[in-house]
């Protein structure tokens, strides 16, 4: 009889900056690295898009 089968599985906690990594396996660490790399790429793309928008606005409103 499996008592614990009906209990919902807990989602793994998202990565937190500065958290203790000693309890994570090598696979878990690799997964976190991949997720963080994807997030960095997303942040850089957003920064580039905002930079392009700002440059266009600056060029439009530049006084000469």
Foldseek 3Di string as FASTA:
>chain_A
DDPCPPPDDDDDDQDDPPDDCVVPDPVRVVVNVVVVVVVVVVVVVVVVVVVVVVVVVCVVPPDD
